[in-house]
Amino acid sequence: MIRAAADLAIADRIPPDEWRSVDELASCCAVLPQPLLRVLRALAACGIFRVTVDGLVAHSRRSLLLRTDAPNSLHHAARFWTAPGSWGAWADLDAALRGETPHRASWNTSRFEYLRHHPDEAHVFDAFMAHTPEGRHGALAAAHDFSSATLVVDVGGGNGEALRLILRRYPHHHGAYRRVELQKGWSNVTADVGSHSGCHLSSNGQEAA
């Protein structure tokens, strides 16, 4: 249900301090009003959105976190963790107890290889990595002692924020960033971390020092 609300951008369609009718939301989302009302009522029972008996919908404290413009937004996280690739792996969680990887047990491939063949989910993953809760990357840079390293490697998606903050704390280190093979976002990565003299970037088989 959270994924359905996030995919339809319901939270973005309701201003923070206003009410919207289910009929209006359904029209904007090109879905049927009655099924949408059932979903929103179920979410409201969990404290996500507020729904009146006559079908008006407003935000709750929790639903505000699903807005894309919210501080520490969980919109992209909600979409990524409920996407088929992530959700399906939970069915094979017991594989982890045998020293295996649930994602490989479920999909017979690694996480990143799966994303390369599912561009829609890869796009969601990249957005999730670029919009993690505020302070998460800074906490990593502060908590771990990188002083004994000479090269810091960041593998994944997003905008290179984690590597940028680590290199800010350790300006004499070298950094290498290898992103997931996505079509979008490469220019953002170079803008964020590429100005560091010791940063080495690679994406889609292309490299830049």
C-alpha atoms as a PDB file:
ATOM      1  CA  MET A   1       0.000   0.000   0.000  1.00  0.00           C
ATOM      2  CA  ILE A   2       2.850   2.377   0.786  1.00  0.00           C
ATOM      3  CA  ARG A   3       4.391   1.593  -2.584  1.00  0.00           C
ATOM      4  CA  ALA A   4       1.089   2.272  -4.354  1.00  0.00           C
ATOM      5  CA  ALA A   5       0.814   5.647  -2.631  1.00  0.00           C
ATOM      6  CA  ALA A   6       4.440   6.492  -3.435  1.00  0.00           C
ATOM      7  CA  ASP A   7       4.190   5.375  -7.072  1.00  0.00           C
ATOM      8  CA  LEU A   8       1.104   7.548  -7.523  1.00  0.00           C
ATOM      9  CA  ALA A   9       2.804  10.464  -5.722  1.00  0.00           C
ATOM     10  CA  ILE A  10      -0.270  10.850  -3.511  1.00  0.00           C
ATOM     11  CA  ALA A  11       1.690  12.749  -0.861  1.00  0.00           C
ATOM     12  CA  ASP A  12       2.906  15.310  -3.397  1.00  0.00           C
ATOM     13  CA  ARG A  13      -0.642  15.857  -4.643  1.00  0.00           C
ATOM     14  CA  ILE A  14      -1.849  16.954  -1.200  1.00  0.00           C
ATOM     15  CA  PRO A  15      -0.488  20.298   0.088  1.00  0.00           C
ATOM     16  CA  PRO A  16       0.867  19.954   3.649  1.00  0.00           C
ATOM     17  CA  ASP A  17      -1.926  21.939   5.318  1.00  0.00           C
ATOM     18  CA  GLU A  18      -4.858  21.234   3.008  1.00  0.00           C
ATOM     19  CA  TRP A  19      -7.435  18.548   2.272  1.00  0.00           C
ATOM     20  CA  ARG A  20      -8.134  16.863  -1.055  1.00  0.00           C
ATOM     21  CA  SER A  21     -11.058  14.663  -2.024  1.00  0.00           C
ATOM     22  CA  VAL A  22     -10.460  11.071  -3.020  1.00  0.00           C
ATOM     23  CA  ASP A  23     -12.289  11.758  -6.283  1.00  0.00           C
ATOM     24  CA  GLU A  24      -9.856  14.572  -7.082  1.00  0.00           C
ATOM     25  CA  LEU A  25      -6.829  12.439  -6.237  1.00  0.00           C
ATOM     26  CA  ALA A  26      -8.155   9.516  -8.265  1.00  0.00           C
ATOM     27  CA  SER A  27      -8.692  11.772 -11.261  1.00  0.00           C
ATOM     28  CA  CYS A  28      -5.142  13.145 -11.018  1.00  0.00           C
ATOM     29  CA  CYS A  29      -3.716   9.618 -10.760  1.00  0.00           C
ATOM     30  CA  ALA A  30      -5.973   8.075 -13.426  1.00  0.00           C
ATOM     31  CA  VAL A  31      -7.240   5.408 -11.011  1.00  0.00           C
ATOM     32  CA  LEU A  32     -10.652   4.438  -9.637  1.00  0.00           C
ATOM     33  CA  PRO A  33     -11.779   6.408  -6.568  1.00  0.00           C
ATOM     34  CA  GLN A  34     -13.246   3.550  -4.518  1.00  0.00           C
ATOM     35  CA  PRO A  35     -10.158   1.280  -4.600  1.00  0.00           C
ATOM     36  CA  LEU A  36      -7.984   4.326  -3.873  1.00  0.00           C
ATOM     37  CA  LEU A  37     -10.201   5.199  -0.901  1.00  0.00           C
ATOM     38  CA  ARG A  38      -9.746   1.685   0.504  1.00  0.00           C
ATOM     39  CA  VAL A  39      -5.976   1.942   0.203  1.00  0.00           C
ATOM     40  CA  LEU A  40      -5.897   5.362   1.851  1.00  0.00           C
ATOM     41  CA  ARG A  41      -8.157   4.209   4.687  1.00  0.00           C
ATOM     42  CA  ALA A  42      -5.875   1.240   5.311  1.00  0.00           C
ATOM     43  CA  LEU A  43      -2.858   3.552   5.369  1.00  0.00           C
ATOM     44  CA  ALA A  44      -4.687   5.965   7.674  1.00  0.00           C
ATOM     45  CA  ALA A  45      -5.245   3.100  10.104  1.00  0.00           C
ATOM     46  CA  CYS A  46      -1.438   2.909  10.333  1.00  0.00           C
ATOM     47  CA  GLY A  47      -1.082   6.651  10.866  1.00  0.00           C
ATOM     48  CA  ILE A  48      -0.202   7.405   7.235  1.00  0.00           C
ATOM     49  CA  PHE A  49      -2.588  10.119   5.937  1.00  0.00           C
ATOM     50  CA  ARG A  50      -5.872  11.170   7.523  1.00  0.00           C
ATOM     51  CA  VAL A  51      -9.163  10.247   5.857  1.00  0.00           C
ATOM     52  CA  THR A  52     -12.620  11.535   6.787  1.00  0.00           C
ATOM     53  CA  VAL A  53     -15.873   9.578   6.476  1.00  0.00           C
ATOM     54  CA  ASP A  54     -16.840  11.662   3.449  1.00  0.00           C
ATOM     55  CA  GLY A  55     -13.622  10.891   1.588  1.00  0.00           C
ATOM     56  CA  LEU A  56     -11.405  13.884   2.268  1.00  0.00           C
ATOM     57  CA  VAL A  57      -7.693  13.226   2.668  1.00  0.00           C
ATOM     58  CA  ALA A  58      -5.011  15.213   4.485  1.00  0.00           C
ATOM     59  CA  HIS A  59      -1.508  14.602   5.698  1.00  0.00           C
ATOM     60  CA  SER A  60      -0.429  13.053   8.953  1.00  0.00           C
ATOM     61  CA  ARG A  61       3.057  13.400  10.391  1.00  0.00           C
ATOM     62  CA  ARG A  62       4.038  10.117   8.769  1.00  0.00           C
ATOM     63  CA  SER A  63       2.566  10.764   5.339  1.00  0.00           C
ATOM     64  CA  LEU A  64       4.526  14.010   5.068  1.00  0.00           C
ATOM     65  CA  LEU A  65       7.673  11.876   4.894  1.00  0.00           C
ATOM     66  CA  LEU A  66       6.416  10.484   1.578  1.00  0.00           C
ATOM     67  CA  ARG A  67       6.587  13.919  -0.055  1.00  0.00           C
ATOM     68  CA  THR A  68       9.557  14.249  -2.379  1.00  0.00           C
ATOM     69  CA  ASP A  69      10.322  17.735  -1.040  1.00  0.00           C
ATOM     70  CA  ALA A  70      10.208  16.757   2.644  1.00  0.00           C
ATOM     71  CA  PRO A  71      13.362  16.975   4.762  1.00  0.00           C
ATOM     72  CA  ASN A  72      14.603  13.398   5.175  1.00  0.00           C
ATOM     73  CA  SER A  73      12.028  12.251   2.619  1.00  0.00           C
ATOM     74  CA  LEU A  74      11.337   8.514   2.543  1.00  0.00           C
ATOM     75  CA  HIS A  75       9.584   8.631  -0.834  1.00  0.00           C
ATOM     76  CA  HIS A  76      12.402   7.015  -2.806  1.00  0.00           C
ATOM     77  CA  ALA A  77      13.222   4.585   0.004  1.00  0.00           C
ATOM     78  CA  ALA A  78       9.600   3.423   0.074  1.00  0.00           C
ATOM     79  CA  ARG A  79       9.641   2.788  -3.660  1.00  0.00           C
ATOM     80  CA  PHE A  80      12.999   1.000  -3.644  1.00  0.00           C
ATOM     81  CA  TRP A  81      12.428  -1.340  -0.699  1.00  0.00           C
ATOM     82  CA  THR A  82       9.033  -2.411  -2.047  1.00  0.00           C
ATOM     83  CA  ALA A  83      10.166  -2.846  -5.661  1.00  0.00           C
ATOM     84  CA  PRO A  84      10.074  -6.428  -7.014  1.00  0.00           C
ATOM     85  CA  GLY A  85      13.841  -6.888  -6.740  1.00  0.00           C
ATOM     86  CA  SER A  86      13.927  -5.950  -3.066  1.00  0.00           C
ATOM     87  CA  TRP A  87      10.576  -7.410  -2.088  1.00  0.00           C
ATOM     88  CA  GLY A  88      11.182 -10.736  -3.796  1.00  0.00           C
ATOM     89  CA  ALA A  89      14.456 -11.285  -1.955  1.00  0.00           C
ATOM     90  CA  TRP A  90      12.638 -11.342   1.393  1.00  0.00           C
ATOM     91  CA  ALA A  91      11.024 -14.623   0.357  1.00  0.00           C
ATOM     92  CA  ASP A  92      14.493 -16.196   0.442  1.00  0.00           C
ATOM     93  CA  LEU A  93      15.677 -14.609   3.678  1.00  0.00           C
ATOM     94  CA  ASP A  94      16.486 -18.076   5.032  1.00  0.00           C
ATOM     95  CA  ALA A  95      19.304 -18.237   2.456  1.00  0.00           C
ATOM     96  CA  ALA A  96      21.233 -15.788   4.649  1.00  0.00           C
ATOM     97  CA  LEU A  97      21.175 -18.366   7.461  1.00  0.00           C
ATOM     98  CA  ARG A  98      23.079 -20.731   5.184  1.00  0.00           C
ATOM     99  CA  GLY A  99      25.694 -18.134   4.274  1.00  0.00           C
ATOM    100  CA  GLU A 100      24.082 -17.320   0.935  1.00  0.00           C
ATOM    101  CA  THR A 101      22.688 -14.072  -0.450  1.00  0.00           C
ATOM    102  CA  PRO A 102      18.880 -13.804  -0.436  1.00  0.00           C
ATOM    103  CA  HIS A 103      18.858 -11.653  -3.564  1.00  0.00           C
ATOM    104  CA  ARG A 104      20.899 -14.196  -5.525  1.00  0.00           C
ATOM    105  CA  ALA A 105      18.786 -17.049  -4.181  1.00  0.00           C
ATOM    106  CA  SER A 106      15.659 -15.246  -5.333  1.00  0.00           C
ATOM    107  CA  TRP A 107      16.820 -13.845  -8.669  1.00  0.00           C
ATOM    108  CA  ASN A 108      19.908 -15.950  -9.477  1.00  0.00           C
ATOM    109  CA  THR A 109      21.995 -12.810  -9.913  1.00  0.00           C
ATOM    110  CA  SER A 110      23.672 -10.086  -7.865  1.00  0.00           C
ATOM    111  CA  ARG A 111      21.879  -6.916  -6.820  1.00  0.00           C
ATOM    112  CA  PHE A 112      23.741  -4.622  -9.219  1.00  0.00           C
ATOM    113  CA  GLU A 113      23.497  -7.058 -12.138  1.00  0.00           C
ATOM    114  CA  TYR A 114      19.764  -7.262 -11.514  1.00  0.00           C
ATOM    115  CA  LEU A 115      19.518  -3.474 -11.622  1.00  0.00           C
ATOM    116  CA  ARG A 116      21.396  -3.335 -14.930  1.00  0.00           C
ATOM    117  CA  HIS A 117      18.655  -5.457 -16.476  1.00  0.00           C
ATOM    118  CA  HIS A 118      15.789  -3.610 -14.780  1.00  0.00           C
ATOM    119  CA  PRO A 119      16.313   0.079 -15.632  1.00  0.00           C
ATOM    120  CA  ASP A 120      13.110   1.245 -13.938  1.00  0.00           C
ATOM    121  CA  GLU A 121      14.252  -0.178 -10.604  1.00  0.00           C
ATOM    122  CA  ALA A 122      17.784   1.086 -11.230  1.00  0.00           C
ATOM    123  CA  HIS A 123      16.411   4.596 -11.613  1.00  0.00           C
ATOM    124  CA  VAL A 124      14.560   4.243  -8.299  1.00  0.00           C
ATOM    125  CA  PHE A 125      17.728   2.911  -6.648  1.00  0.00           C
ATOM    126  CA  ASP A 126      19.747   5.870  -7.902  1.00  0.00           C
ATOM    127  CA  ALA A 127      17.137   8.302  -6.571  1.00  0.00           C
ATOM    128  CA  PHE A 128      17.115   6.462  -3.235  1.00  0.00           C
ATOM    129  CA  MET A 129      20.905   6.693  -2.926  1.00  0.00           C
ATOM    130  CA  ALA A 130      20.815  10.400  -3.793  1.00  0.00           C
ATOM    131  CA  HIS A 131      18.075  11.194  -1.249  1.00  0.00           C
ATOM    132  CA  THR A 132      19.103   9.331   1.873  1.00  0.00           C
ATOM    133  CA  PRO A 133      18.147  10.833   5.251  1.00  0.00           C
ATOM    134  CA  GLU A 134      20.110  13.956   6.136  1.00  0.00           C
ATOM    135  CA  GLY A 135      23.331  13.297   8.003  1.00  0.00           C
ATOM    136  CA  ARG A 136      23.605   9.616   7.092  1.00  0.00           C
ATOM    137  CA  HIS A 137      26.724  10.009   4.962  1.00  0.00           C
ATOM    138  CA  GLY A 138      28.229  12.536   7.335  1.00  0.00           C
ATOM    139  CA  ALA A 139      27.765  10.087  10.194  1.00  0.00           C
ATOM    140  CA  LEU A 140      29.634   7.433   8.215  1.00  0.00           C
ATOM    141  CA  ALA A 141      32.515   9.792   7.479  1.00  0.00           C
ATOM    142  CA  ALA A 142      32.740  10.792  11.142  1.00  0.00           C
ATOM    143  CA  ALA A 143      32.301   7.342  12.680  1.00  0.00           C
ATOM    144  CA  HIS A 144      34.814   5.347  10.671  1.00  0.00           C
ATOM    145  CA  ASP A 145      38.556   5.978  10.868  1.00  0.00           C
ATOM    146  CA  PHE A 146      39.842   6.225   7.302  1.00  0.00           C
ATOM    147  CA  SER A 147      43.247   7.569   8.340  1.00  0.00           C
ATOM    148  CA  SER A 148      45.096   4.330   7.572  1.00  0.00           C
ATOM    149  CA  ALA A 149      43.673   4.156   4.048  1.00  0.00           C
ATOM    150  CA  THR A 150      45.146   5.772   0.972  1.00  0.00           C
ATOM    151  CA  LEU A 151      42.280   4.985  -1.394  1.00  0.00           C
ATOM    152  CA  VAL A 152      38.563   5.107  -0.563  1.00  0.00           C
ATOM    153  CA  VAL A 153      36.228   3.341  -3.005  1.00  0.00           C
ATOM    154  CA  ASP A 154      32.504   4.085  -3.200  1.00  0.00           C
ATOM    155  CA  VAL A 155      30.488   1.565  -5.220  1.00  0.00           C
ATOM    156  CA  GLY A 156      26.811   2.153  -5.936  1.00  0.00           C
ATOM    157  CA  GLY A 157      24.377   4.775  -7.134  1.00  0.00           C
ATOM    158  CA  GLY A 158      23.424   8.239  -6.011  1.00  0.00           C
ATOM    159  CA  ASN A 159      25.452  11.407  -6.326  1.00  0.00           C
ATOM    160  CA  GLY A 160      28.714  10.500  -4.598  1.00  0.00           C
ATOM    161  CA  GLU A 161      27.826  12.341  -1.386  1.00  0.00           C
ATOM    162  CA  ALA A 162      29.385   9.717   0.903  1.00  0.00           C
ATOM    163  CA  LEU A 163      32.716   9.831  -0.912  1.00  0.00           C
ATOM    164  CA  ARG A 164      32.663  13.627  -1.056  1.00  0.00           C
ATOM    165  CA  LEU A 165      32.237  13.920   2.725  1.00  0.00           C
ATOM    166  CA  ILE A 166      34.941  11.338   3.414  1.00  0.00           C
ATOM    167  CA  LEU A 167      37.402  13.154   1.155  1.00  0.00           C
ATOM    168  CA  ARG A 168      36.527  16.441   2.837  1.00  0.00           C
ATOM    169  CA  ARG A 169      37.640  14.966   6.170  1.00  0.00           C
ATOM    170  CA  TYR A 170      40.676  13.285   4.603  1.00  0.00           C
ATOM    171  CA  PRO A 171      41.801  15.708   1.869  1.00  0.00           C
ATOM    172  CA  HIS A 172      45.076  13.871   1.194  1.00  0.00           C
ATOM    173  CA  HIS A 173      43.322  10.588   0.383  1.00  0.00           C
ATOM    174  CA  HIS A 174      42.424   9.384  -3.082  1.00  0.00           C
ATOM    175  CA  GLY A 175      38.843   8.450  -3.899  1.00  0.00           C
ATOM    176  CA  ALA A 176      37.369   6.164  -6.530  1.00  0.00           C
ATOM    177  CA  TYR A 177      33.697   6.179  -7.404  1.00  0.00           C
ATOM    178  CA  ARG A 178      32.121   3.386  -9.430  1.00  0.00           C
ATOM    179  CA  ARG A 179      28.456   3.945 -10.071  1.00  0.00           C
ATOM    180  CA  VAL A 180      25.718   1.550 -11.117  1.00  0.00           C
ATOM    181  CA  GLU A 181      25.263   1.552 -14.883  1.00  0.00           C
ATOM    182  CA  LEU A 182      22.535   4.145 -15.242  1.00  0.00           C
ATOM    183  CA  GLN A 183      21.886   6.691 -17.946  1.00  0.00           C
ATOM    184  CA  LYS A 184      20.979   9.509 -15.583  1.00  0.00           C
ATOM    185  CA  GLY A 185      22.972  11.253 -12.907  1.00  0.00           C
ATOM    186  CA  TRP A 186      26.560  10.992 -14.165  1.00  0.00           C
ATOM    187  CA  SER A 187      26.929  14.766 -14.438  1.00  0.00           C
ATOM    188  CA  ASN A 188      25.742  15.115 -10.833  1.00  0.00           C
ATOM    189  CA  VAL A 189      28.448  12.750  -9.658  1.00  0.00           C
ATOM    190  CA  THR A 190      31.238  14.655 -11.382  1.00  0.00           C
ATOM    191  CA  ALA A 191      29.913  17.930 -10.008  1.00  0.00           C
ATOM    192  CA  ASP A 192      29.832  16.626  -6.446  1.00  0.00           C
ATOM    193  CA  VAL A 193      33.124  14.771  -6.140  1.00  0.00           C
ATOM    194  CA  GLY A 194      35.022  15.353  -9.354  1.00  0.00           C
ATOM    195  CA  SER A 195      36.601  18.592  -8.169  1.00  0.00           C
ATOM    196  CA  HIS A 196      38.726  16.691  -5.640  1.00  0.00           C
ATOM    197  CA  SER A 197      42.212  16.318  -7.112  1.00  0.00           C
ATOM    198  CA  GLY A 198      42.485  12.723  -5.966  1.00  0.00           C
ATOM    199  CA  CYS A 199      39.076  11.548  -7.135  1.00  0.00           C
ATOM    200  CA  HIS A 200      38.725   8.945  -9.870  1.00  0.00           C
ATOM    201  CA  LEU A 201      35.304   8.392 -11.413  1.00  0.00           C
ATOM    202  CA  SER A 202      33.980   5.582 -13.580  1.00  0.00           C
ATOM    203  CA  SER A 203      30.570   4.868 -15.043  1.00  0.00           C
ATOM    204  CA  ASN A 204      29.192   2.790 -17.901  1.00  0.00           C
ATOM    205  CA  GLY A 205      32.685   1.764 -18.874  1.00  0.00           C
ATOM    206  CA  GLN A 206      33.908   5.360 -19.061  1.00  0.00           C
ATOM    207  CA  GLU A 207      36.431   6.838 -16.694  1.00  0.00           C
ATOM    208  CA  ALA A 208      37.551  10.306 -15.715  1.00  0.00           C
ATOM    209  CA  ALA A 209      40.287  11.337 -13.335  1.00  0.00           C
END
